[in-house]
Amino acid sequence: MTDQNQTTETDWWKGAVIYQIYPRSFLDTTGNGVGDLCGITEKMDYIASLGVDAVWISPFVKSPMLDFGYDVSDYLAVDPLFGGLEDFRELLDAAHERGLKVIMDQVFSHTSDQHPWFLESRERRDNPKSDWYVWADGKPDGTPPNNWLSVFGGSSWQWEPRRGQYYLHNFLRQMPDLNYHCAEVQEAILDASRFWLDLGVDGFRLDVCTFYAHDLELRDNPPNPHVPRGEAFRFNPYSKQIHQYDIVRPETVKFLERLRALCDGYDNRALLGELNESDAVRVHREYTAIRRLQLAYGYWLLGAHEITPSLLREVAADLGHADDSGWPCWALDNHDFARAVTRLGAEPNPDLVTVILAALATMRGAMCLYQGSELGLPEAEVPYDRLSDPYGREFWPAYKGRDGARTPMPWKVEAEHAGFSAVEPWLPVTPAHRDLAVDGQDALPGSTLNRMRRFLGWRRDIAPIRRGGMEFVDTSAEVLAFRRALDGETVTCAFNFSEHEVVLDMPEAETGPAMEGHGFGAARHGDKVYLPGYGAFFACENAP
């Protein structure tokens, strides 16, 4: 049953639990109120104790920090705010010594307007980097080249008087888009990737990787006649277009094949892509096809305010879970969305979120676990005068931004600033988070932290759960049930998403004996399984 070599196999990413760290908010060791790479290294034993397989570190390369690292000014340098290159080497060593992989966040769709490439490109139309970014003349009346919109509001075109042209920016105007129709740009990005692969990173998380290429004809996007109700961007006109020409262009996957080929030249490296939500099923299948991304995640669950067994079944069926299907990476929380405990109305009892996370960690695919989710943290309330997120400041008060999911990690109940920093942090620590700090939960056997540790440690060594096929089992509406099978061994999994006990017909003759050690209460009497509220049941047949 055990899978002792999961961290050395070429497909280690299958079934991996990936712990996402937002470095600004993990641990400050320098006393400037901002987390750093040394803080991650200092807490590597804690990360390993969670039973995860890898860490994904949000951007830490050099940046003006207008969007907190997602505006890169040097792909080959660590930003001094987080430390230096030697600090990152020590982090890599500390992770690898504990059997953990390190996935680096790479922002390849755009740079900062302070990047030397852009500073050169904007000067005139005939310099060596003149076409490294997306430049276009305005219309005869001086207006932008087309109707494309920025995710962060308004037109995605910004006038540059030096060239007398507009440049494309899908996000902040200070984040110009690279031109992937330029061969030299692709080579430069591959060179940057090679630098970090040579250093020893185990893979890349590719930020907004559907945004890489654009339509060369600059055709207008058509209107979206079906803007969903309650859609996350309802306050933003971006959702009123079908993004047919500005993103998800066919040239993007051709570049991803080149990036995959580069990674395949190294041992055991993986690519995790962030996909946009438009036409999500088709895009996921296309981007996770052979020789492209090993893993990808979309926004199916990240923006959801209700998650039911039927929703998870539908998404898994749409994405495909046959042997030749691409592998999803399930994500319930991250730095861009409100925390699930609040979003799903589970603040009085985070057990609902705990059982959903357990289900996602058991389904076919990998899973991202965002820092603080193992503590059951709710969304933080950040007052307007403390908001740092440019997205939130642009759309406040209709949208409060992403800071509520980015506040500092609470380490100690009694310490100043919850043990995150010796000084006032860049974002405030909310009292509700202090009460859920790591040291307080460490001492409670039944805490959310210790339940997550126990479960993730238990499932880590079960080969069918990590790499097996998946087949859903029909049961009651409140329960998600499926089988994972590999090499003649089948594990049956059942999760109760309701607060009430559910009784299931699951004879031992059909499922094999019940499994123990996972920490979720369930009892079998005869052919019946009594599944408590927010409980889970596991059984295994034909175990060696």
Protein backbone atom coordinates (compact mmCIF):
# COMPACT_ATOMS: atom_id res chain seq x y z
CA MET A 1 0.00 0.00 0.00
CA THR A 2 2.79 2.42 0.76
CA ASP A 3 4.44 4.67 -1.78
CA GLN A 4 7.82 5.21 -0.16
CA ASN A 5 9.57 6.71 -3.19
CA GLN A 6 7.01 9.36 -4.11
CA THR A 7 9.46 12.25 -3.81
CA THR A 8 12.01 10.75 -6.22
CA GLU A 9 9.74 9.48 -8.99
CA THR A 10 9.54 11.35 -12.28
CA ASP A 11 5.81 11.84 -11.69
CA TRP A 12 6.11 13.09 -8.09
CA TRP A 13 3.60 15.80 -8.94
CA LYS A 14 0.80 13.26 -9.37
CA GLY A 15 -1.20 13.37 -6.17
CA ALA A 16 1.13 15.96 -4.63
CA VAL A 17 -0.06 18.39 -1.98
CA ILE A 18 1.61 21.73 -2.74
CA TYR A 19 1.84 24.26 0.09
CA GLN A 20 1.59 27.80 -1.25
CA ILE A 21 3.62 30.43 0.59
CA TYR A 22 3.04 34.15 0.14
CA PRO A 23 6.51 35.24 1.28
CA ARG A 24 5.59 38.78 2.31
CA SER A 25 3.28 37.30 4.93
CA PHE A 26 4.97 34.12 6.12
CA LEU A 27 7.67 35.17 8.64
CA ASP A 28 9.73 38.35 9.01
CA THR A 29 13.28 37.67 10.23
CA THR A 30 14.78 41.09 9.42
CA GLY A 31 12.46 43.35 11.42
CA ASN A 32 11.07 45.34 8.51
CA GLY A 33 7.47 44.09 8.77
CA VAL A 34 7.71 42.00 5.60
CA GLY A 35 8.31 38.26 5.39
CA ASP A 36 11.44 36.94 3.70
CA LEU A 37 13.19 33.84 2.37
CA CYS A 38 15.02 33.22 5.64
CA GLY A 39 11.64 33.12 7.34
CA ILE A 40 10.55 30.29 5.05
CA THR A 41 13.76 28.39 5.75
CA GLU A 42 13.31 28.88 9.48
CA LYS A 43 9.85 27.30 9.31
CA MET A 44 10.79 24.41 7.00
CA ASP A 45 10.29 21.85 9.78
CA TYR A 46 6.77 23.18 10.28
CA ILE A 47 6.05 22.91 6.54
CA ALA A 48 7.38 19.35 6.44
CA SER A 49 5.26 18.44 9.49
CA LEU A 50 2.11 19.17 7.48
CA GLY A 51 2.66 16.10 5.29
CA VAL A 52 2.90 18.12 2.08
CA ASP A 53 5.12 17.24 -0.88
CA ALA A 54 6.16 20.62 -2.24
CA VAL A 55 6.13 24.35 -1.59
CA TRP A 56 5.08 26.95 -4.14
CA ILE A 57 6.60 30.33 -3.31
CA SER A 58 4.88 33.39 -4.73
CA PRO A 59 7.21 35.84 -6.55
CA PHE A 60 10.39 36.89 -4.78
CA VAL A 61 12.47 38.22 -7.70
CA LYS A 62 13.37 41.89 -8.09
CA SER A 63 10.35 44.15 -8.44
CA PRO A 64 9.11 47.68 -7.70
CA MET A 65 6.36 45.85 -5.78
CA LEU A 66 3.43 47.78 -7.24
CA ASP A 67 1.72 44.40 -7.47
CA PHE A 68 3.95 42.73 -4.87
CA GLY A 69 6.31 40.81 -7.09
CA TYR A 70 3.99 40.19 -10.03
CA ASP A 71 5.67 43.18 -11.70
CA VAL A 72 9.16 41.82 -12.40
CA SER A 73 12.10 44.13 -13.07
CA ASP A 74 14.80 41.42 -13.11
CA TYR A 75 14.07 37.73 -13.68
CA LEU A 76 17.51 36.66 -12.43
CA ALA A 77 17.76 38.46 -9.08
CA VAL A 78 16.15 38.03 -5.67
CA ASP A 79 14.55 41.25 -4.48
CA PRO A 80 16.56 42.63 -1.53
CA LEU A 81 13.30 42.88 0.43
CA PHE A 82 13.29 39.07 0.61
CA GLY A 83 17.04 38.47 0.88
CA GLY A 84 19.64 37.38 -1.64
CA LEU A 85 20.43 34.51 -3.96
CA GLU A 86 22.38 32.71 -1.24
CA ASP A 87 19.29 32.86 1.00
CA PHE A 88 17.34 31.12 -1.73
CA ARG A 89 20.04 28.47 -2.12
CA GLU A 90 19.80 27.77 1.61
CA LEU A 91 16.01 27.54 1.31
CA LEU A 92 16.35 25.02 -1.52
CA ASP A 93 18.79 22.93 0.49
CA ALA A 94 16.56 22.99 3.57
CA ALA A 95 13.54 21.89 1.54
CA HIS A 96 15.37 19.14 -0.32
CA GLU A 97 16.89 17.79 2.90
CA ARG A 98 13.32 17.23 4.11
CA GLY A 99 12.13 15.62 0.89
CA LEU A 100 10.20 18.70 -0.23
CA LYS A 101 10.10 20.04 -3.78
CA VAL A 102 10.27 23.79 -4.45
CA ILE A 103 8.06 25.38 -7.11
CA MET A 104 8.92 28.94 -8.08
CA ASP A 105 6.26 31.42 -9.20
CA GLN A 106 7.17 32.77 -12.64
CA VAL A 107 5.45 35.81 -14.15
CA PHE A 108 6.21 35.45 -17.84
CA SER A 109 3.25 37.23 -19.44
CA HIS A 110 4.43 40.75 -18.57
CA THR A 111 7.16 42.68 -16.77
CA SER A 112 7.40 45.86 -14.77
CA ASP A 113 7.74 49.07 -16.76
CA GLN A 114 11.02 49.41 -14.83
CA HIS A 115 12.49 46.30 -16.45
CA PRO A 116 15.53 47.20 -18.63
CA TRP A 117 13.87 45.47 -21.58
CA PHE A 118 10.92 47.86 -21.46
CA LEU A 119 13.03 50.93 -20.74
CA GLU A 120 14.87 50.21 -23.99
CA SER A 121 11.79 49.17 -25.98
CA ARG A 122 9.85 52.35 -25.22
CA GLU A 123 12.55 54.76 -26.37
CA ARG A 124 11.93 54.51 -30.10
CA ARG A 125 10.52 52.24 -32.78
CA ASP A 126 13.82 51.04 -34.27
CA ASN A 127 15.91 49.92 -31.27
CA PRO A 128 16.98 46.26 -30.74
CA LYS A 129 14.11 45.57 -28.33
CA SER A 130 11.49 47.62 -30.16
CA ASP A 131 9.19 44.60 -30.64
CA TRP A 132 9.79 42.86 -27.30
CA TYR A 133 6.48 44.33 -26.07
CA VAL A 134 3.09 44.72 -27.72
CA TRP A 135 3.03 48.13 -29.42
CA ALA A 136 0.33 49.50 -31.71
CA ASP A 137 -0.72 52.75 -33.32
CA GLY A 138 -3.94 54.32 -32.15
CA LYS A 139 -6.99 54.76 -34.32
CA PRO A 140 -7.16 57.85 -36.55
CA ASP A 141 -9.06 59.69 -33.81
CA GLY A 142 -6.28 58.95 -31.29
CA THR A 143 -8.22 56.37 -29.30
CA PRO A 144 -6.71 52.96 -28.38
CA PRO A 145 -6.21 50.31 -31.09
CA ASN A 146 -9.18 48.18 -30.02
CA ASN A 147 -11.67 47.46 -27.23
CA TRP A 148 -9.50 45.18 -25.08
CA LEU A 149 -9.87 45.71 -21.33
CA SER A 150 -7.47 45.37 -18.42
CA VAL A 151 -8.30 42.98 -15.58
CA PHE A 152 -7.48 45.85 -13.23
CA GLY A 153 -9.96 48.22 -14.87
CA GLY A 154 -10.27 50.36 -18.00
CA SER A 155 -8.57 49.99 -21.36
CA SER A 156 -5.64 47.58 -21.59
CA TRP A 157 -3.77 50.13 -23.74
CA GLN A 158 -1.50 52.88 -22.38
CA TRP A 159 -0.10 55.74 -24.46
CA GLU A 160 3.69 56.13 -24.58
CA PRO A 161 4.76 59.54 -25.92
CA ARG A 162 8.36 58.51 -26.66
CA ARG A 163 7.22 56.14 -29.41
CA GLY A 164 3.92 57.83 -30.15
CA GLN A 165 2.20 54.44 -29.71
CA TYR A 166 0.13 52.47 -27.26
CA TYR A 167 1.44 49.44 -25.38
CA LEU A 168 -0.65 46.53 -24.11
CA HIS A 169 -1.09 45.82 -20.39
CA ASN A 170 -3.57 43.21 -19.22
CA PHE A 171 -3.13 44.27 -15.59
CA LEU A 172 -1.64 47.47 -14.13
CA ARG A 173 -0.50 50.06 -16.68
CA GLN A 174 2.95 49.69 -15.09
CA MET A 175 2.98 46.02 -16.19
CA PRO A 176 3.45 45.97 -20.00
CA ASP A 177 2.82 42.71 -21.84
CA LEU A 178 5.68 40.86 -23.49
CA ASN A 179 5.33 40.06 -27.18
CA TYR A 180 5.48 36.27 -27.60
CA HIS A 181 5.40 36.66 -31.38
CA CYS A 182 8.99 37.87 -31.01
CA ALA A 183 11.44 34.95 -31.10
CA GLU A 184 13.97 36.83 -28.97
CA VAL A 185 11.43 37.21 -26.16
CA GLN A 186 10.82 33.48 -26.08
CA GLU A 187 14.55 32.82 -25.95
CA ALA A 188 15.02 35.33 -23.13
CA ILE A 189 12.26 33.70 -21.08
CA LEU A 190 13.74 30.24 -21.68
CA ASP A 191 17.12 31.56 -20.57
CA ALA A 192 15.60 32.92 -17.36
CA SER A 193 13.92 29.56 -16.75
CA ARG A 194 17.20 27.73 -17.34
CA PHE A 195 18.93 29.90 -14.72
CA TRP A 196 16.55 28.77 -11.96
CA LEU A 197 16.42 25.16 -13.14
CA ASP A 198 20.23 25.05 -12.99
CA LEU A 199 19.99 26.41 -9.46
CA GLY A 200 17.81 23.45 -8.48
CA VAL A 201 14.16 24.53 -8.45
CA ASP A 202 11.80 21.61 -9.02
CA GLY A 203 9.25 23.42 -11.16
CA PHE A 204 7.43 26.60 -12.00
CA ARG A 205 3.97 27.89 -11.26
CA LEU A 206 3.13 29.90 -14.37
CA ASP A 207 1.16 33.01 -13.55
CA VAL A 208 -1.74 33.75 -15.94
CA CYS A 209 -0.14 31.57 -18.60
CA THR A 210 -3.11 31.87 -20.98
CA PHE A 211 -2.18 35.56 -21.39
CA TYR A 212 1.18 35.03 -23.11
CA ALA A 213 0.22 35.56 -26.76
CA HIS A 214 -2.21 37.98 -28.40
CA ASP A 215 -4.02 38.23 -31.74
CA LEU A 216 -1.69 39.86 -34.26
CA GLU A 217 -4.64 41.46 -36.07
CA LEU A 218 -5.75 43.13 -32.81
CA ARG A 219 -9.38 42.27 -33.47
CA ASP A 220 -12.03 43.55 -31.05
CA ASN A 221 -13.32 41.11 -28.44
CA PRO A 222 -17.03 40.32 -28.82
CA PRO A 223 -19.47 41.15 -26.02
CA ASN A 224 -20.29 38.47 -23.46
CA PRO A 225 -24.07 37.90 -23.53
CA HIS A 226 -23.97 35.62 -20.48
CA VAL A 227 -22.16 37.38 -17.66
CA PRO A 228 -22.83 34.96 -14.75
CA ARG A 229 -24.81 36.12 -11.77
CA GLY A 230 -22.65 36.70 -8.74
CA GLU A 231 -19.59 36.41 -10.95
CA ALA A 232 -16.40 37.49 -9.18
CA PHE A 233 -15.75 40.40 -11.57
CA ARG A 234 -19.32 41.76 -11.61
CA PHE A 235 -17.99 45.13 -10.45
CA ASN A 236 -15.53 45.12 -13.36
CA PRO A 237 -16.42 45.54 -17.06
CA TYR A 238 -13.73 42.95 -17.90
CA SER A 239 -16.34 40.21 -17.56
CA LYS A 240 -18.56 41.84 -20.18
CA GLN A 241 -16.29 40.65 -23.00
CA ILE A 242 -15.56 37.23 -24.42
CA HIS A 243 -11.77 37.27 -24.34
CA GLN A 244 -11.32 35.69 -27.71
CA TYR A 245 -8.42 37.70 -29.09
CA ASP A 246 -6.41 39.11 -26.19
CA ILE A 247 -5.73 35.76 -24.41
CA VAL A 248 -5.77 31.96 -24.98
CA ARG A 249 -4.22 32.27 -28.41
CA PRO A 250 -2.83 29.17 -30.18
CA GLU A 251 0.75 30.47 -30.08
CA THR A 252 0.78 30.18 -26.28
CA VAL A 253 0.67 26.38 -26.14
CA LYS A 254 3.45 26.23 -28.73
CA PHE A 255 5.66 28.17 -26.33
CA LEU A 256 4.57 25.99 -23.40
CA GLU A 257 5.75 22.99 -25.38
CA ARG A 258 9.17 24.64 -25.67
CA LEU A 259 9.22 25.37 -21.93
CA ARG A 260 8.16 21.80 -21.15
CA ALA A 261 10.93 20.45 -23.40
CA LEU A 262 13.44 22.58 -21.50
CA CYS A 263 12.17 21.28 -18.14
CA ASP A 264 12.21 17.69 -19.39
CA GLY A 265 15.96 18.08 -19.92
CA TYR A 266 16.29 18.16 -16.12
CA ASP A 267 15.33 15.48 -13.59
CA ASN A 268 11.82 15.48 -12.12
CA ARG A 269 10.73 19.06 -12.92
CA ALA A 270 7.07 20.07 -13.26
CA LEU A 271 4.97 22.94 -14.62
CA LEU A 272 1.83 24.15 -12.85
CA GLY A 273 -0.27 26.59 -14.86
CA GLU A 274 -2.84 29.15 -13.72
CA LEU A 275 -5.68 29.15 -16.24
CA ASN A 276 -8.32 31.79 -16.79
CA GLU A 277 -11.97 30.95 -16.19
CA SER A 278 -13.32 31.54 -19.71
CA ASP A 279 -14.01 28.27 -21.53
CA ALA A 280 -12.24 26.62 -18.63
CA VAL A 281 -12.81 22.97 -19.55
CA ARG A 282 -11.50 23.27 -23.10
CA VAL A 283 -8.54 25.33 -21.96
CA HIS A 284 -7.63 22.85 -19.21
CA ARG A 285 -7.72 19.92 -21.62
CA GLU A 286 -5.67 21.82 -24.18
CA TYR A 287 -3.03 23.11 -21.76
CA THR A 288 -2.53 19.79 -19.93
CA ALA A 289 -2.22 17.75 -23.12
CA ILE A 290 0.91 15.65 -23.54
CA ARG A 291 4.18 17.64 -23.71
CA ARG A 292 2.56 20.73 -22.19
CA LEU A 293 1.71 21.38 -18.52
CA GLN A 294 1.82 18.53 -16.02
CA LEU A 295 -0.69 20.33 -13.80
CA ALA A 296 -3.09 23.25 -14.09
CA TYR A 297 -5.70 24.91 -11.91
CA GLY A 298 -8.65 27.11 -12.73
CA TYR A 299 -11.10 29.18 -10.75
CA TRP A 300 -13.86 26.56 -10.43
CA LEU A 301 -13.63 26.39 -6.63
CA LEU A 302 -11.61 29.49 -5.75
CA GLY A 303 -14.52 31.84 -6.40
CA ALA A 304 -17.31 29.51 -5.28
CA HIS A 305 -19.57 30.45 -2.36
CA GLU A 306 -20.97 26.93 -2.13
CA ILE A 307 -19.19 23.65 -2.80
CA THR A 308 -21.26 20.50 -3.03
CA PRO A 309 -20.46 16.89 -3.90
CA SER A 310 -22.33 17.34 -7.18
CA LEU A 311 -20.18 20.37 -8.11
CA LEU A 312 -16.96 18.41 -7.57
CA ARG A 313 -18.29 15.47 -9.56
CA GLU A 314 -19.31 17.74 -12.43
CA VAL A 315 -15.98 19.57 -12.55
CA ALA A 316 -14.00 16.32 -12.40
CA ALA A 317 -16.16 14.80 -15.14
CA ASP A 318 -15.79 17.90 -17.33
CA LEU A 319 -12.01 17.98 -16.93
CA GLY A 320 -11.76 14.25 -17.53
CA HIS A 321 -10.38 11.68 -15.13
CA ALA A 322 -9.53 8.85 -17.50
CA ASP A 323 -5.96 7.57 -17.66
CA ASP A 324 -5.16 9.76 -20.66
CA SER A 325 -6.74 12.93 -19.24
CA GLY A 326 -4.67 15.86 -18.02
CA TRP A 327 -4.12 16.28 -14.30
CA PRO A 328 -5.91 19.06 -12.43
CA CYS A 329 -4.54 20.82 -9.39
CA TRP A 330 -7.42 21.41 -6.99
CA ALA A 331 -7.32 24.76 -5.17
CA LEU A 332 -9.78 26.03 -2.58
CA ASP A 333 -7.78 29.07 -1.40
CA ASN A 334 -4.95 31.23 -2.64
CA HIS A 335 -3.61 34.79 -2.48
CA ASP A 336 -6.09 36.11 -5.07
CA PHE A 337 -9.41 35.01 -3.54
CA ALA A 338 -11.25 35.41 -0.24
CA ARG A 339 -10.51 32.59 2.20
CA ALA A 340 -12.83 29.60 1.94
CA VAL A 341 -13.80 29.55 5.63
CA THR A 342 -15.50 32.93 5.15
CA ARG A 343 -16.57 32.41 1.52
CA LEU A 344 -18.38 29.18 2.37
CA GLY A 345 -19.96 30.51 5.57
CA ALA A 346 -17.95 28.16 7.79
CA GLU A 347 -16.49 30.64 10.29
CA PRO A 348 -18.35 29.15 13.30
CA ASN A 349 -17.11 25.66 12.35
CA PRO A 350 -14.26 25.22 9.87
CA ASP A 351 -14.85 21.43 9.78
CA LEU A 352 -16.74 21.86 6.49
CA VAL A 353 -13.63 23.32 4.87
CA THR A 354 -11.46 20.62 6.46
CA VAL A 355 -13.52 17.81 4.95
CA ILE A 356 -13.59 19.53 1.53
CA LEU A 357 -9.80 19.88 1.62
CA ALA A 358 -9.51 16.21 2.55
CA ALA A 359 -11.73 15.28 -0.40
CA LEU A 360 -9.67 17.42 -2.81
CA ALA A 361 -6.44 15.88 -1.51
CA THR A 362 -7.89 12.44 -2.27
CA MET A 363 -9.35 13.05 -5.73
CA ARG A 364 -7.36 12.42 -8.89
CA GLY A 365 -4.96 15.32 -9.28
CA ALA A 366 -2.71 17.44 -7.09
CA MET A 367 -3.88 20.00 -4.54
CA CYS A 368 -2.67 23.43 -3.47
CA LEU A 369 -2.92 24.22 0.23
CA TYR A 370 -2.59 27.95 0.87
CA GLN A 371 -0.73 29.08 3.98
CA GLY A 372 -3.14 29.44 6.90
CA SER A 373 -5.73 27.09 5.41
CA GLU A 374 -4.34 24.37 7.67
CA LEU A 375 -5.29 26.64 10.59
CA GLY A 376 -8.85 27.29 9.38
CA LEU A 377 -8.20 31.03 9.03
CA PRO A 378 -11.16 33.20 7.99
CA GLU A 379 -10.87 36.19 5.67
CA ALA A 380 -9.32 39.16 7.50
CA GLU A 381 -11.01 42.53 7.62
CA VAL A 382 -8.51 45.14 6.43
CA PRO A 383 -9.59 48.79 6.82
CA TYR A 384 -9.35 51.00 3.77
CA ASP A 385 -6.49 53.05 5.19
CA ARG A 386 -4.40 49.84 5.43
CA LEU A 387 -5.24 48.45 1.98
CA SER A 388 -2.17 47.73 -0.13
CA ASP A 389 -3.70 45.82 -3.03
CA PRO A 390 -3.95 48.06 -6.13
CA TYR A 391 -6.85 45.95 -7.36
CA GLY A 392 -8.77 46.56 -4.14
CA ARG A 393 -8.03 50.28 -4.10
CA GLU A 394 -9.29 50.59 -7.68
CA PHE A 395 -12.68 48.97 -7.03
CA TRP A 396 -13.32 49.71 -3.34
CA PRO A 397 -15.91 49.55 -1.78
CA ALA A 398 -17.69 47.25 -4.27
CA TYR A 399 -14.66 44.98 -4.00
CA LYS A 400 -12.33 45.04 -1.02
CA GLY A 401 -9.38 43.51 -2.81
CA ARG A 402 -7.13 40.60 -2.00
CA ASP A 403 -5.45 41.82 1.18
CA GLY A 404 -7.89 39.93 3.41
CA ALA A 405 -6.32 36.67 2.22
CA ARG A 406 -2.74 38.00 2.43
CA THR A 407 -2.40 39.10 6.05
CA PRO A 408 0.50 37.74 8.13
CA MET A 409 0.67 34.11 9.21
CA PRO A 410 -0.12 33.86 12.97
CA TRP A 411 2.57 31.83 14.74
CA LYS A 412 2.09 32.64 18.44
CA VAL A 413 -1.10 33.47 20.34
CA GLU A 414 0.54 35.69 22.95
CA ALA A 415 3.35 37.30 20.94
CA GLU A 416 3.22 40.79 19.51
CA HIS A 417 1.91 40.71 15.93
CA ALA A 418 1.20 37.00 16.51
CA GLY A 419 4.91 36.20 16.22
CA PHE A 420 5.11 37.20 12.55
CA SER A 421 7.32 40.24 13.09
CA ALA A 422 8.91 42.31 15.84
CA VAL A 423 7.48 45.48 14.24
CA GLU A 424 4.18 46.57 12.73
CA PRO A 425 3.59 44.29 9.70
CA TRP A 426 2.86 45.49 6.19
CA LEU A 427 -0.72 44.31 6.73
CA PRO A 428 -2.36 44.10 10.17
CA VAL A 429 -2.85 40.87 12.12
CA THR A 430 -6.54 40.41 12.81
CA PRO A 431 -7.55 39.24 16.34
CA ALA A 432 -9.45 36.26 14.91
CA HIS A 433 -6.20 35.00 13.37
CA ARG A 434 -4.21 35.46 16.57
CA ASP A 435 -6.66 33.14 18.36
CA LEU A 436 -5.92 30.45 15.74
CA ALA A 437 -2.12 30.76 15.88
CA VAL A 438 0.10 27.76 15.30
CA ASP A 439 1.39 27.36 18.88
CA GLY A 440 -2.14 27.36 20.28
CA GLN A 441 -3.35 24.72 17.84
CA ASP A 442 -0.18 22.66 18.31
CA ALA A 443 -1.28 21.93 21.88
CA LEU A 444 -4.80 20.78 20.92
CA PRO A 445 -4.99 17.22 19.50
CA GLY A 446 -8.33 17.93 17.80
CA SER A 447 -7.39 21.31 16.34
CA THR A 448 -7.79 22.03 12.64
CA LEU A 449 -4.00 22.09 12.30
CA ASN A 450 -3.47 18.71 13.90
CA ARG A 451 -6.34 17.13 11.99
CA MET A 452 -4.87 18.36 8.70
CA ARG A 453 -1.42 17.12 9.68
CA ARG A 454 -2.73 13.71 10.59
CA PHE A 455 -4.78 13.32 7.44
CA LEU A 456 -2.17 14.59 4.98
CA GLY A 457 0.52 12.48 6.60
CA TRP A 458 -1.75 9.44 6.36
CA ARG A 459 -2.70 9.87 2.70
CA ARG A 460 0.84 10.66 1.56
CA ASP A 461 1.90 7.01 1.46
CA ILE A 462 -1.19 5.51 -0.18
CA ALA A 463 -0.31 4.84 -3.81
CA PRO A 464 -3.87 4.56 -5.27
CA ILE A 465 -4.80 7.93 -3.75
CA ARG A 466 -1.73 9.58 -5.21
CA ARG A 467 -1.61 8.11 -8.70
CA GLY A 468 -4.59 5.83 -9.26
CA GLY A 469 -7.58 6.17 -11.53
CA MET A 470 -10.88 7.48 -10.17
CA GLU A 471 -14.46 6.25 -10.44
CA PHE A 472 -17.36 7.95 -8.69
CA VAL A 473 -19.81 6.01 -6.51
CA ASP A 474 -23.51 6.91 -6.45
CA THR A 475 -24.67 7.81 -2.96
CA SER A 476 -26.70 10.47 -1.12
CA ALA A 477 -26.58 14.13 -2.18
CA GLU A 478 -24.59 15.18 0.89
CA VAL A 479 -21.80 12.68 0.26
CA LEU A 480 -18.96 12.64 -2.24
CA ALA A 481 -17.81 9.06 -2.81
CA PHE A 482 -15.35 7.55 -5.27
CA ARG A 483 -12.84 4.77 -5.74
CA ARG A 484 -9.14 5.19 -6.52
CA ALA A 485 -7.50 2.13 -8.07
CA LEU A 486 -3.90 1.26 -8.93
CA ASP A 487 -2.18 -2.08 -9.61
CA GLY A 488 -5.07 -4.18 -8.30
CA GLU A 489 -5.53 -2.13 -5.12
CA THR A 490 -8.72 -0.09 -4.66
CA VAL A 491 -9.39 2.55 -2.01
CA THR A 492 -13.01 3.62 -1.45
CA CYS A 493 -13.40 7.18 -0.12
CA ALA A 494 -16.57 8.86 1.19
CA PHE A 495 -16.92 12.43 2.53
CA ASN A 496 -19.94 13.91 4.28
CA PHE A 497 -20.34 17.61 3.39
CA SER A 498 -23.29 18.06 5.77
CA GLU A 499 -23.41 18.63 9.52
CA HIS A 500 -25.75 15.66 10.01
CA GLU A 501 -24.93 11.95 10.19
CA VAL A 502 -25.45 10.00 6.97
CA VAL A 503 -25.83 6.22 6.75
CA LEU A 504 -24.34 4.51 3.68
CA ASP A 505 -24.66 0.99 2.30
CA MET A 506 -21.02 -0.08 1.96
CA PRO A 507 -20.58 -3.80 2.71
CA GLU A 508 -17.06 -4.87 3.53
CA ALA A 509 -17.38 -7.55 0.85
CA GLU A 510 -17.53 -4.74 -1.76
CA THR A 511 -15.02 -2.26 -0.37
CA GLY A 512 -12.62 -4.28 1.74
CA PRO A 513 -11.81 -3.50 5.39
CA ALA A 514 -12.07 0.01 6.80
CA MET A 515 -8.81 1.96 6.97
CA GLU A 516 -7.63 3.62 10.17
CA GLY A 517 -5.32 6.46 11.11
CA HIS A 518 -6.78 9.24 8.98
CA GLY A 519 -8.46 11.08 11.85
CA PHE A 520 -12.00 11.30 10.44
CA GLY A 521 -14.63 9.58 12.51
CA ALA A 522 -16.83 6.91 10.90
CA ALA A 523 -18.12 3.53 12.06
CA ARG A 524 -19.16 0.43 10.17
CA HIS A 525 -21.80 -1.92 11.59
CA GLY A 526 -22.61 -4.82 9.34
CA ASP A 527 -23.15 -3.48 5.83
CA LYS A 528 -23.78 0.08 7.03
CA VAL A 529 -21.29 2.94 7.37
CA TYR A 530 -22.31 5.64 9.83
CA LEU A 531 -20.70 8.83 8.60
CA PRO A 532 -20.86 11.70 11.10
CA GLY A 533 -21.30 15.32 10.07
CA TYR A 534 -18.19 16.49 8.20
CA GLY A 535 -16.80 12.98 8.56
CA ALA A 536 -15.02 10.69 6.12
CA PHE A 537 -14.66 6.95 5.57
CA PHE A 538 -11.97 4.96 3.78
CA ALA A 539 -11.70 1.28 2.95
CA CYS A 540 -9.18 -0.73 0.95
CA GLU A 541 -9.47 -4.05 -0.87
CA ASN A 542 -6.75 -6.30 -2.26
CA ALA A 543 -4.04 -4.44 -0.38
CA PRO A 544 -0.69 -6.26 -0.66
